[in-house]
Amino acid sequence: MQEKSWSVNIVIDEHENQTRATARLRPENRDELEGIGWARLNPADSDVPEIGDELATARALADLAHQLIEVTAADIEKVTKETPHLRA
C-alpha cells in the first residue's frame, strides 16, 4: 500500500470575547471538509487566550471527525447498499 498524507489546517480567530477555530481537511480526490468550534470566556475566569484556542480547536476537530464519519458511512452505504452502523 502506498502511503497517503492528509493535512488539516486550523485557523483561530477572536469574535467579541469568543474564540472560533476552523479546521479544514483536504483529502486527496475528495471534497474539503470544514469543522467549526467555539469557546467563550466565562466572566468569572481569568483571561488565558491559549485555553480558548485549545477548547475551540478541540471542538472544531470533533466536528470535523463527526463529519468524516458521516462521509464514511455514506460511502459504505453506496458500496454495500446497506446502512452501516459506525460508532463515533
C-alpha atoms as a PDB file:
ATOM      1  CA  MET A   1       0.000   0.000   0.000  1.00  0.00           C
ATOM      2  CA  GLN A   2       1.215   3.446  -0.876  1.00  0.00           C
ATOM      3  CA  GLU A   3       1.471   5.926   1.977  1.00  0.00           C
ATOM      4  CA  LYS A   4      -1.043   8.768   1.957  1.00  0.00           C
ATOM      5  CA  SER A   5      -0.900  12.104   3.709  1.00  0.00           C
ATOM      6  CA  TRP A   6      -3.888  14.257   4.616  1.00  0.00           C
ATOM      7  CA  SER A   7      -3.419  17.674   6.149  1.00  0.00           C
ATOM      8  CA  VAL A   8      -5.687  19.596   8.481  1.00  0.00           C
ATOM      9  CA  ASN A   9      -5.325  23.362   8.564  1.00  0.00           C
ATOM     10  CA  ILE A  10      -6.607  25.135  11.670  1.00  0.00           C
ATOM     11  CA  VAL A  11      -7.326  28.861  11.757  1.00  0.00           C
ATOM     12  CA  ILE A  12      -8.114  30.517  15.082  1.00  0.00           C
ATOM     13  CA  ASP A  13      -9.631  33.974  15.459  1.00  0.00           C
ATOM     14  CA  GLU A  14     -11.452  36.100  18.024  1.00  0.00           C
ATOM     15  CA  HIS A  15     -15.000  37.481  17.801  1.00  0.00           C
ATOM     16  CA  GLU A  16     -16.380  39.593  20.685  1.00  0.00           C
ATOM     17  CA  ASN A  17     -14.918  37.603  23.603  1.00  0.00           C
ATOM     18  CA  GLN A  18     -15.335  34.318  21.742  1.00  0.00           C
ATOM     19  CA  THR A  19     -12.688  32.212  20.079  1.00  0.00           C
ATOM     20  CA  ARG A  20     -13.503  30.425  16.829  1.00  0.00           C
ATOM     21  CA  ALA A  21     -11.412  27.652  15.344  1.00  0.00           C
ATOM     22  CA  THR A  22     -11.936  26.399  11.813  1.00  0.00           C
ATOM     23  CA  ALA A  23     -10.399  23.033  10.929  1.00  0.00           C
ATOM     24  CA  ARG A  24     -10.189  22.209   7.217  1.00  0.00           C
ATOM     25  CA  LEU A  25      -9.366  18.760   5.870  1.00  0.00           C
ATOM     26  CA  ARG A  26      -8.421  18.393   2.219  1.00  0.00           C
ATOM     27  CA  PRO A  27      -8.255  14.671   1.452  1.00  0.00           C
ATOM     28  CA  GLU A  28      -6.901  13.622  -1.931  1.00  0.00           C
ATOM     29  CA  ASN A  29      -9.604  13.344  -4.602  1.00  0.00           C
ATOM     30  CA  ARG A  30     -12.359  14.364  -2.141  1.00  0.00           C
ATOM     31  CA  ASP A  31     -14.282  17.488  -1.252  1.00  0.00           C
ATOM     32  CA  GLU A  32     -12.914  19.616   1.556  1.00  0.00           C
ATOM     33  CA  LEU A  33     -14.488  19.167   4.980  1.00  0.00           C
ATOM     34  CA  GLU A  34     -14.672  22.007   7.495  1.00  0.00           C
ATOM     35  CA  GLY A  35     -15.257  21.759  11.227  1.00  0.00           C
ATOM     36  CA  ILE A  36     -16.059  24.749  13.415  1.00  0.00           C
ATOM     37  CA  GLY A  37     -15.524  25.090  17.152  1.00  0.00           C
ATOM     38  CA  TRP A  38     -16.274  27.931  19.556  1.00  0.00           C
ATOM     39  CA  ALA A  39     -15.113  28.826  23.064  1.00  0.00           C
ATOM     40  CA  ARG A  40     -16.087  31.803  25.171  1.00  0.00           C
ATOM     41  CA  LEU A  41     -14.522  33.307  28.237  1.00  0.00           C
ATOM     42  CA  ASN A  42     -16.595  32.990  31.371  1.00  0.00           C
ATOM     43  CA  PRO A  43     -16.548  36.449  33.022  1.00  0.00           C
ATOM     44  CA  ALA A  44     -15.585  34.799  36.325  1.00  0.00           C
ATOM     45  CA  ASP A  45     -12.486  33.144  34.797  1.00  0.00           C
ATOM     46  CA  SER A  46      -9.007  34.533  34.200  1.00  0.00           C
ATOM     47  CA  ASP A  47      -8.315  35.556  30.615  1.00  0.00           C
ATOM     48  CA  VAL A  48      -5.895  32.915  29.292  1.00  0.00           C
ATOM     49  CA  PRO A  49      -6.178  33.039  25.480  1.00  0.00           C
ATOM     50  CA  GLU A  50      -4.375  29.712  24.996  1.00  0.00           C
ATOM     51  CA  ILE A  51      -7.179  27.896  26.812  1.00  0.00           C
ATOM     52  CA  GLY A  52      -9.794  29.358  24.475  1.00  0.00           C
ATOM     53  CA  ASP A  53      -7.643  28.404  21.494  1.00  0.00           C
ATOM     54  CA  GLU A  54      -7.309  24.831  22.753  1.00  0.00           C
ATOM     55  CA  LEU A  55     -11.002  24.402  23.520  1.00  0.00           C
ATOM     56  CA  ALA A  56     -12.199  25.911  20.237  1.00  0.00           C
ATOM     57  CA  THR A  57      -9.695  23.765  18.315  1.00  0.00           C
ATOM     58  CA  ALA A  58     -10.767  20.594  20.132  1.00  0.00           C
ATOM     59  CA  ARG A  59     -14.392  21.347  19.284  1.00  0.00           C
ATOM     60  CA  ALA A  60     -13.554  22.082  15.638  1.00  0.00           C
ATOM     61  CA  LEU A  61     -11.658  18.787  15.349  1.00  0.00           C
ATOM     62  CA  ALA A  62     -14.553  16.909  16.984  1.00  0.00           C
ATOM     63  CA  ASP A  63     -16.945  18.487  14.459  1.00  0.00           C
ATOM     64  CA  LEU A  64     -14.602  17.543  11.636  1.00  0.00           C
ATOM     65  CA  ALA A  65     -14.300  13.953  12.919  1.00  0.00           C
ATOM     66  CA  HIS A  66     -18.089  13.624  13.080  1.00  0.00           C
ATOM     67  CA  GLN A  67     -18.421  14.840   9.501  1.00  0.00           C
ATOM     68  CA  LEU A  68     -15.752  12.408   8.322  1.00  0.00           C
ATOM     69  CA  ILE A  69     -17.610   9.514   9.968  1.00  0.00           C
ATOM     70  CA  GLU A  70     -20.795  10.611   8.179  1.00  0.00           C
ATOM     71  CA  VAL A  71     -18.970  10.721   4.821  1.00  0.00           C
ATOM     72  CA  THR A  72     -17.524   7.279   5.510  1.00  0.00           C
ATOM     73  CA  ALA A  73     -20.959   5.879   6.360  1.00  0.00           C
ATOM     74  CA  ALA A  74     -22.383   7.275   3.123  1.00  0.00           C
ATOM     75  CA  ASP A  75     -19.505   5.740   1.136  1.00  0.00           C
ATOM     76  CA  ILE A  76     -20.031   2.340   2.778  1.00  0.00           C
ATOM     77  CA  GLU A  77     -23.744   2.508   2.034  1.00  0.00           C
ATOM     78  CA  LYS A  78     -23.047   3.270  -1.645  1.00  0.00           C
ATOM     79  CA  VAL A  79     -20.820   0.199  -1.924  1.00  0.00           C
ATOM     80  CA  THR A  80     -22.778  -2.293   0.187  1.00  0.00           C
ATOM     81  CA  LYS A  81     -26.325  -0.960  -0.375  1.00  0.00           C
ATOM     82  CA  GLU A  82     -26.826  -1.453   3.373  1.00  0.00           C
ATOM     83  CA  THR A  83     -26.977   1.013   6.243  1.00  0.00           C
ATOM     84  CA  PRO A  84     -23.655   0.927   8.104  1.00  0.00           C
ATOM     85  CA  HIS A  85     -23.505   1.027  11.893  1.00  0.00           C
ATOM     86  CA  LEU A  86     -20.404   3.038  12.705  1.00  0.00           C
ATOM     87  CA  ARG A  87     -19.557   4.197  16.188  1.00  0.00           C
ATOM     88  CA  ALA A  88     -18.108   7.633  16.744  1.00  0.00           C
END
